[in-house]
Amino acid sequence: MIIHEQEEKFNKAAESLDEKPNEQNMFNQFLEMYPTEWKQLKITFSKFNRSKQFGKTIPLPKPEVSLRKEIRVWLKKQQS
């Protein structure tokens, strides 16, 4: 369900672009259109980093890296 909602947001962001969607302009458009979701991603990452116990690390990608990866996957789906 979350993935479906994310795809809808990417679709809306792509539709609002004047040029062909690419990773950078989709990233910028997503931040502009969905500041609340972006803020929530950063909060989740920050909480996770503060909650790690010493010596026990579970890698969590930074919000920028995570969002860009999701955009890349979405763009590949659109091309096929």
PDB file of N, CA and C in Angstrom:
ATOM      1  N   MET A   1       0.826  -1.190   0.000  1.00  0.00           N
ATOM      2  CA  MET A   1       0.000   0.000   0.000  1.00  0.00           C
ATOM      3  C   MET A   1       0.873   1.257   0.000  1.00  0.00           C
ATOM      4  N   ILE A   2       1.926   1.249   0.821  1.00  0.00           N
ATOM      5  CA  ILE A   2       2.821   2.398   0.877  1.00  0.00           C
ATOM      6  C   ILE A   2       3.510   2.583  -0.472  1.00  0.00           C
ATOM      7  N   ILE A   3       3.915   1.485  -1.087  1.00  0.00           N
ATOM      8  CA  ILE A   3       4.587   1.553  -2.381  1.00  0.00           C
ATOM      9  C   ILE A   3       3.642   2.146  -3.419  1.00  0.00           C
ATOM     10  N   HIS A   4       2.381   1.753  -3.391  1.00  0.00           N
ATOM     11  CA  HIS A   4       1.394   2.274  -4.334  1.00  0.00           C
ATOM     12  C   HIS A   4       1.230   3.785  -4.140  1.00  0.00           C
ATOM     13  N   GLU A   5       1.165   4.238  -2.899  1.00  0.00           N
ATOM     14  CA  GLU A   5       1.048   5.671  -2.613  1.00  0.00           C
ATOM     15  C   GLU A   5       2.277   6.413  -3.115  1.00  0.00           C
ATOM     16  N   GLN A   6       3.445   5.832  -2.928  1.00  0.00           N
ATOM     17  CA  GLN A   6       4.685   6.459  -3.380  1.00  0.00           C
ATOM     18  C   GLN A   6       4.690   6.571  -4.900  1.00  0.00           C
ATOM     19  N   GLU A   7       4.247   5.530  -5.593  1.00  0.00           N
ATOM     20  CA  GLU A   7       4.195   5.562  -7.051  1.00  0.00           C
ATOM     21  C   GLU A   7       3.248   6.648  -7.533  1.00  0.00           C
ATOM     22  N   GLU A   8       2.120   6.822  -6.860  1.00  0.00           N
ATOM     23  CA  GLU A   8       1.176   7.875  -7.228  1.00  0.00           C
ATOM     24  C   GLU A   8       1.828   9.254  -7.079  1.00  0.00           C
ATOM     25  N   LYS A   9       2.590   9.440  -6.010  1.00  0.00           N
ATOM     26  CA  LYS A   9       3.275  10.719  -5.796  1.00  0.00           C
ATOM     27  C   LYS A   9       4.313  10.951  -6.876  1.00  0.00           C
ATOM     28  N   PHE A  10       5.043   9.915  -7.249  1.00  0.00           N
ATOM     29  CA  PHE A  10       6.026  10.048  -8.326  1.00  0.00           C
ATOM     30  C   PHE A  10       5.328  10.372  -9.647  1.00  0.00           C
ATOM     31  N   ASN A  11       4.189   9.723  -9.908  1.00  0.00           N
ATOM     32  CA  ASN A  11       3.432  10.014 -11.130  1.00  0.00           C
ATOM     33  C   ASN A  11       3.006  11.476 -11.166  1.00  0.00           C
ATOM     34  N   LYS A  12       2.481  11.975 -10.055  1.00  0.00           N
ATOM     35  CA  LYS A  12       2.036  13.374 -10.000  1.00  0.00           C
ATOM     36  C   LYS A  12       3.216  14.329 -10.161  1.00  0.00           C
ATOM     37  N   ALA A  13       4.339  13.991  -9.545  1.00  0.00           N
ATOM     38  CA  ALA A  13       5.531  14.833  -9.674  1.00  0.00           C
ATOM     39  C   ALA A  13       5.998  14.862 -11.128  1.00  0.00           C
ATOM     40  N   ALA A  14       5.998  13.719 -11.787  1.00  0.00           N
ATOM     41  CA  ALA A  14       6.426  13.645 -13.188  1.00  0.00           C
ATOM     42  C   ALA A  14       5.491  14.444 -14.087  1.00  0.00           C
ATOM     43  N   GLU A  15       4.192  14.346 -13.820  1.00  0.00           N
ATOM     44  CA  GLU A  15       3.209  15.070 -14.627  1.00  0.00           C
ATOM     45  C   GLU A  15       3.379  16.577 -14.501  1.00  0.00           C
ATOM     46  N   SER A  16       3.846  17.040 -13.367  1.00  0.00           N
ATOM     47  CA  SER A  16       3.967  18.477 -13.156  1.00  0.00           C
ATOM     48  C   SER A  16       5.274  19.055 -13.715  1.00  0.00           C
ATOM     49  N   LEU A  17       6.155  18.189 -14.185  1.00  0.00           N
ATOM     50  CA  LEU A  17       7.419  18.656 -14.764  1.00  0.00           C
ATOM     51  C   LEU A  17       7.212  19.155 -16.196  1.00  0.00           C
ATOM     52  N   ASP A  18       7.991  20.161 -16.573  1.00  0.00           N
ATOM     53  CA  ASP A  18       7.939  20.672 -17.937  1.00  0.00           C
ATOM     54  C   ASP A  18       8.847  19.884 -18.872  1.00  0.00           C
ATOM     55  N   GLU A  19       9.809  19.177 -18.294  1.00  0.00           N
ATOM     56  CA  GLU A  19      10.753  18.416 -19.111  1.00  0.00           C
ATOM     57  C   GLU A  19      10.613  16.922 -18.819  1.00  0.00           C
ATOM     58  N   LYS A  20      11.396  16.131 -19.573  1.00  0.00           N
ATOM     59  CA  LYS A  20      11.386  14.685 -19.379  1.00  0.00           C
ATOM     60  C   LYS A  20      11.908  14.362 -17.977  1.00  0.00           C
ATOM     61  N   PRO A  21      11.215  13.498 -17.239  1.00  0.00           N
ATOM     62  CA  PRO A  21      11.650  13.171 -15.872  1.00  0.00           C
ATOM     63  C   PRO A  21      13.009  12.482 -15.846  1.00  0.00           C
ATOM     64  N   ASN A  22      13.859  12.938 -14.945  1.00  0.00           N
ATOM     65  CA  ASN A  22      15.101  12.238 -14.646  1.00  0.00           C
ATOM     66  C   ASN A  22      15.262  12.250 -13.126  1.00  0.00           C
ATOM     67  N   GLU A  23      16.286  11.597 -12.657  1.00  0.00           N
ATOM     68  CA  GLU A  23      16.437  11.434 -11.213  1.00  0.00           C
ATOM     69  C   GLU A  23      16.494  12.780 -10.481  1.00  0.00           C
ATOM     70  N   GLN A  24      17.271  13.710 -11.013  1.00  0.00           N
ATOM     71  CA  GLN A  24      17.455  14.984 -10.323  1.00  0.00           C
ATOM     72  C   GLN A  24      16.186  15.837 -10.318  1.00  0.00           C
ATOM     73  N   ASN A  25      15.543  15.996 -11.480  1.00  0.00           N
ATOM     74  CA  ASN A  25      14.362  16.859 -11.475  1.00  0.00           C
ATOM     75  C   ASN A  25      13.183  16.207 -10.745  1.00  0.00           C
ATOM     76  N   MET A  26      13.123  14.883 -10.747  1.00  0.00           N
ATOM     77  CA  MET A  26      12.077  14.196  -9.966  1.00  0.00           C
ATOM     78  C   MET A  26      12.322  14.391  -8.470  1.00  0.00           C
ATOM     79  N   PHE A  27      13.575  14.292  -8.054  1.00  0.00           N
ATOM     80  CA  PHE A  27      13.935  14.492  -6.653  1.00  0.00           C
ATOM     81  C   PHE A  27      13.540  15.904  -6.211  1.00  0.00           C
ATOM     82  N   ASN A  28      13.925  16.900  -6.996  1.00  0.00           N
ATOM     83  CA  ASN A  28      13.595  18.290  -6.662  1.00  0.00           C
ATOM     84  C   ASN A  28      12.089  18.522  -6.627  1.00  0.00           C
ATOM     85  N   GLN A  29      11.386  17.965  -7.604  1.00  0.00           N
ATOM     86  CA  GLN A  29       9.930  18.151  -7.672  1.00  0.00           C
ATOM     87  C   GLN A  29       9.237  17.465  -6.493  1.00  0.00           C
ATOM     88  N   PHE A  30       9.712  16.292  -6.114  1.00  0.00           N
ATOM     89  CA  PHE A  30       9.133  15.586  -4.969  1.00  0.00           C
ATOM     90  C   PHE A  30       9.291  16.424  -3.704  1.00  0.00           C
ATOM     91  N   LEU A  31      10.488  16.978  -3.500  1.00  0.00           N
ATOM     92  CA  LEU A  31      10.716  17.814  -2.310  1.00  0.00           C
ATOM     93  C   LEU A  31       9.805  19.024  -2.305  1.00  0.00           C
ATOM     94  N   GLU A  32       9.581  19.604  -3.475  1.00  0.00           N
ATOM     95  CA  GLU A  32       8.736  20.792  -3.580  1.00  0.00           C
ATOM     96  C   GLU A  32       7.261  20.451  -3.335  1.00  0.00           C
ATOM     97  N   MET A  33       6.815  19.330  -3.899  1.00  0.00           N
ATOM     98  CA  MET A  33       5.394  18.975  -3.811  1.00  0.00           C
ATOM     99  C   MET A  33       5.021  18.286  -2.498  1.00  0.00           C
ATOM    100  N   TYR A  34       5.966  17.588  -1.899  1.00  0.00           N
ATOM    101  CA  TYR A  34       5.655  16.790  -0.708  1.00  0.00           C
ATOM    102  C   TYR A  34       6.629  17.090   0.433  1.00  0.00           C
ATOM    103  N   PRO A  35       6.639  18.325   0.927  1.00  0.00           N
ATOM    104  CA  PRO A  35       7.584  18.660   2.008  1.00  0.00           C
ATOM    105  C   PRO A  35       7.307  17.899   3.300  1.00  0.00           C
ATOM    106  N   THR A  36       6.051  17.583   3.562  1.00  0.00           N
ATOM    107  CA  THR A  36       5.710  16.853   4.787  1.00  0.00           C
ATOM    108  C   THR A  36       6.270  15.437   4.758  1.00  0.00           C
ATOM    109  N   GLU A  37       6.131  14.758   3.624  1.00  0.00           N
ATOM    110  CA  GLU A  37       6.657  13.402   3.496  1.00  0.00           C
ATOM    111  C   GLU A  37       8.182  13.408   3.599  1.00  0.00           C
ATOM    112  N   TRP A  38       8.814  14.419   2.988  1.00  0.00           N
ATOM    113  CA  TRP A  38      10.267  14.528   3.055  1.00  0.00           C
ATOM    114  C   TRP A  38      10.712  14.745   4.492  1.00  0.00           C
ATOM    115  N   LYS A  39      10.001  15.615   5.206  1.00  0.00           N
ATOM    116  CA  LYS A  39      10.332  15.874   6.605  1.00  0.00           C
ATOM    117  C   LYS A  39      10.198  14.589   7.425  1.00  0.00           C
ATOM    118  N   GLN A  40       9.154  13.804   7.147  1.00  0.00           N
ATOM    119  CA  GLN A  40       8.935  12.558   7.876  1.00  0.00           C
ATOM    120  C   GLN A  40      10.057  11.557   7.612  1.00  0.00           C
ATOM    121  N   LEU A  41      10.536  11.489   6.368  1.00  0.00           N
ATOM    122  CA  LEU A  41      11.667  10.606   6.059  1.00  0.00           C
ATOM    123  C   LEU A  41      12.896  10.999   6.875  1.00  0.00           C
ATOM    124  N   LYS A  42      13.153  12.302   6.960  1.00  0.00           N
ATOM    125  CA  LYS A  42      14.320  12.772   7.710  1.00  0.00           C
ATOM    126  C   LYS A  42      14.152  12.509   9.204  1.00  0.00           C
ATOM    127  N   ILE A  43      12.952  12.675   9.726  1.00  0.00           N
ATOM    128  CA  ILE A  43      12.693  12.419  11.152  1.00  0.00           C
ATOM    129  C   ILE A  43      12.900  10.948  11.470  1.00  0.00           C
ATOM    130  N   THR A  44      12.381  10.084  10.613  1.00  0.00           N
ATOM    131  CA  THR A  44      12.533   8.641  10.817  1.00  0.00           C
ATOM    132  C   THR A  44      14.005   8.261  10.838  1.00  0.00           C
ATOM    133  N   PHE A  45      14.775   8.794   9.898  1.00  0.00           N
ATOM    134  CA  PHE A  45      16.203   8.508   9.845  1.00  0.00           C
ATOM    135  C   PHE A  45      16.899   9.001  11.111  1.00  0.00           C
ATOM    136  N   SER A  46      16.564  10.200  11.550  1.00  0.00           N
ATOM    137  CA  SER A  46      17.185  10.789  12.734  1.00  0.00           C
ATOM    138  C   SER A  46      16.868   9.969  13.984  1.00  0.00           C
ATOM    139  N   LYS A  47      15.614   9.563  14.142  1.00  0.00           N
ATOM    140  CA  LYS A  47      15.223   8.741  15.297  1.00  0.00           C
ATOM    141  C   LYS A  47      15.969   7.419  15.292  1.00  0.00           C
ATOM    142  N   PHE A  48      16.088   6.823  14.104  1.00  0.00           N
ATOM    143  CA  PHE A  48      16.777   5.547  13.985  1.00  0.00           C
ATOM    144  C   PHE A  48      18.234   5.686  14.403  1.00  0.00           C
ATOM    145  N   ASN A  49      18.895   6.725  13.927  1.00  0.00           N
ATOM    146  CA  ASN A  49      20.304   6.926  14.271  1.00  0.00           C
ATOM    147  C   ASN A  49      20.501   7.141  15.761  1.00  0.00           C
ATOM    148  N   ARG A  50      19.597   7.848  16.414  1.00  0.00           N
ATOM    149  CA  ARG A  50      19.719   8.090  17.849  1.00  0.00           C
ATOM    150  C   ARG A  50      19.445   6.830  18.657  1.00  0.00           C
ATOM    151  N   SER A  51      18.653   5.909  18.115  1.00  0.00           N
ATOM    152  CA  SER A  51      18.250   4.728  18.882  1.00  0.00           C
ATOM    153  C   SER A  51      19.247   3.575  18.785  1.00  0.00           C
ATOM    154  N   LYS A  52      20.258   3.680  17.904  1.00  0.00           N
ATOM    155  CA  LYS A  52      21.217   2.582  17.763  1.00  0.00           C
ATOM    156  C   LYS A  52      22.024   2.433  19.046  1.00  0.00           C
ATOM    157  N   GLN A  53      22.231   1.190  19.422  1.00  0.00           N
ATOM    158  CA  GLN A  53      23.044   0.913  20.603  1.00  0.00           C
ATOM    159  C   GLN A  53      24.497   0.764  20.163  1.00  0.00           C
ATOM    160  N   PHE A  54      25.395   1.098  21.039  1.00  0.00           N
ATOM    161  CA  PHE A  54      26.811   1.027  20.723  1.00  0.00           C
ATOM    162  C   PHE A  54      27.194  -0.385  20.281  1.00  0.00           C
ATOM    163  N   GLY A  55      27.870  -0.461  19.161  1.00  0.00           N
ATOM    164  CA  GLY A  55      28.339  -1.755  18.660  1.00  0.00           C
ATOM    165  C   GLY A  55      27.309  -2.517  17.851  1.00  0.00           C
ATOM    166  N   LYS A  56      26.074  -2.078  17.859  1.00  0.00           N
ATOM    167  CA  LYS A  56      25.019  -2.760  17.110  1.00  0.00           C
ATOM    168  C   LYS A  56      24.489  -1.787  16.061  1.00  0.00           C
ATOM    169  N   THR A  57      25.048  -1.865  14.874  1.00  0.00           N
ATOM    170  CA  THR A  57      24.610  -0.953  13.823  1.00  0.00           C
ATOM    171  C   THR A  57      23.877  -1.718  12.736  1.00  0.00           C
ATOM    172  N   ILE A  58      22.789  -1.167  12.327  1.00  0.00           N
ATOM    173  CA  ILE A  58      22.017  -1.689  11.205  1.00  0.00           C
ATOM    174  C   ILE A  58      22.014  -0.557  10.183  1.00  0.00           C
ATOM    175  N   PRO A  59      22.617  -0.773   9.027  1.00  0.00           N
ATOM    176  CA  PRO A  59      22.716   0.334   8.076  1.00  0.00           C
ATOM    177  C   PRO A  59      21.344   0.766   7.558  1.00  0.00           C
ATOM    178  N   LEU A  60      21.113   2.044   7.636  1.00  0.00           N
ATOM    179  CA  LEU A  60      19.908   2.639   7.076  1.00  0.00           C
ATOM    180  C   LEU A  60      20.385   3.758   6.167  1.00  0.00           C
ATOM    181  N   PRO A  61      20.008   3.707   4.892  1.00  0.00           N
ATOM    182  CA  PRO A  61      20.492   4.753   3.991  1.00  0.00           C
ATOM    183  C   PRO A  61      19.940   6.120   4.381  1.00  0.00           C
ATOM    184  N   LYS A  62      20.719   7.144   4.096  1.00  0.00           N
ATOM    185  CA  LYS A  62      20.262   8.502   4.360  1.00  0.00           C
ATOM    186  C   LYS A  62      19.009   8.761   3.535  1.00  0.00           C
ATOM    187  N   PRO A  63      18.150   9.670   3.986  1.00  0.00           N
ATOM    188  CA  PRO A  63      16.895   9.930   3.266  1.00  0.00           C
ATOM    189  C   PRO A  63      17.113  10.291   1.793  1.00  0.00           C
ATOM    190  N   GLU A  64      18.153  11.075   1.503  1.00  0.00           N
ATOM    191  CA  GLU A  64      18.430  11.461   0.117  1.00  0.00           C
ATOM    192  C   GLU A  64      18.727  10.233  -0.740  1.00  0.00           C
ATOM    193  N   VAL A  65      19.548   9.348  -0.202  1.00  0.00           N
ATOM    194  CA  VAL A  65      19.942   8.133  -0.924  1.00  0.00           C
ATOM    195  C   VAL A  65      18.728   7.238  -1.136  1.00  0.00           C
ATOM    196  N   SER A  66      17.941   7.087  -0.112  1.00  0.00           N
ATOM    197  CA  SER A  66      16.760   6.232  -0.180  1.00  0.00           C
ATOM    198  C   SER A  66      15.752   6.746  -1.217  1.00  0.00           C
ATOM    199  N   LEU A  67      15.460   8.041  -1.172  1.00  0.00           N
ATOM    200  CA  LEU A  67      14.493   8.614  -2.111  1.00  0.00           C
ATOM    201  C   LEU A  67      15.003   8.536  -3.540  1.00  0.00           C
ATOM    202  N   ARG A  68      16.281   8.828  -3.740  1.00  0.00           N
ATOM    203  CA  ARG A  68      16.845   8.748  -5.091  1.00  0.00           C
ATOM    204  C   ARG A  68      16.784   7.320  -5.636  1.00  0.00           C
ATOM    205  N   LYS A  69      16.996   6.339  -4.779  1.00  0.00           N
ATOM    206  CA  LYS A  69      16.914   4.937  -5.209  1.00  0.00           C
ATOM    207  C   LYS A  69      15.485   4.603  -5.631  1.00  0.00           C
ATOM    208  N   GLU A  70      14.514   5.043  -4.849  1.00  0.00           N
ATOM    209  CA  GLU A  70      13.110   4.795  -5.195  1.00  0.00           C
ATOM    210  C   GLU A  70      12.752   5.467  -6.514  1.00  0.00           C
ATOM    211  N   ILE A  71      13.262   6.667  -6.732  1.00  0.00           N
ATOM    212  CA  ILE A  71      13.001   7.372  -7.990  1.00  0.00           C
ATOM    213  C   ILE A  71      13.624   6.616  -9.160  1.00  0.00           C
ATOM    214  N   ARG A  72      14.872   6.125  -8.993  1.00  0.00           N
ATOM    215  CA  ARG A  72      15.525   5.356 -10.057  1.00  0.00           C
ATOM    216  C   ARG A  72      14.706   4.118 -10.417  1.00  0.00           C
ATOM    217  N   VAL A  73      14.230   3.414  -9.413  1.00  0.00           N
ATOM    218  CA  VAL A  73      13.409   2.215  -9.653  1.00  0.00           C
ATOM    219  C   VAL A  73      12.134   2.591 -10.395  1.00  0.00           C
ATOM    220  N   TRP A  74      11.494   3.670  -9.979  1.00  0.00           N
ATOM    221  CA  TRP A  74      10.264   4.128 -10.622  1.00  0.00           C
ATOM    222  C   TRP A  74      10.530   4.509 -12.071  1.00  0.00           C
ATOM    223  N   LEU A  75      11.628   5.226 -12.318  1.00  0.00           N
ATOM    224  CA  LEU A  75      11.959   5.623 -13.696  1.00  0.00           C
ATOM    225  C   LEU A  75      12.201   4.407 -14.586  1.00  0.00           C
ATOM    226  N   LYS A  76      12.866   3.386 -14.057  1.00  0.00           N
ATOM    227  CA  LYS A  76      13.105   2.163 -14.837  1.00  0.00           C
ATOM    228  C   LYS A  76      11.789   1.484 -15.195  1.00  0.00           C
ATOM    229  N   LYS A  77      10.843   1.478 -14.244  1.00  0.00           N
ATOM    230  CA  LYS A  77       9.524   0.886 -14.515  1.00  0.00           C
ATOM    231  C   LYS A  77       8.805   1.637 -15.636  1.00  0.00           C
ATOM    232  N   GLN A  78       8.970   2.950 -15.658  1.00  0.00           N
ATOM    233  CA  GLN A  78       8.293   3.762 -16.669  1.00  0.00           C
ATOM    234  C   GLN A  78       8.862   3.515 -18.060  1.00  0.00           C
ATOM    235  N   GLN A  79      10.132   3.159 -18.140  1.00  0.00           N
ATOM    236  CA  GLN A  79      10.770   2.921 -19.417  1.00  0.00           C
ATOM    237  C   GLN A  79      10.431   1.552 -20.009  1.00  0.00           C
ATOM    238  N   SER A  80      10.053   0.624 -19.161  1.00  0.00           N
ATOM    239  CA  SER A  80       9.753  -0.724 -19.676  1.00  0.00           C
ATOM    240  C   SER A  80       8.301  -0.906 -20.011  1.00  0.00           C
TER     241      SER A  80
END
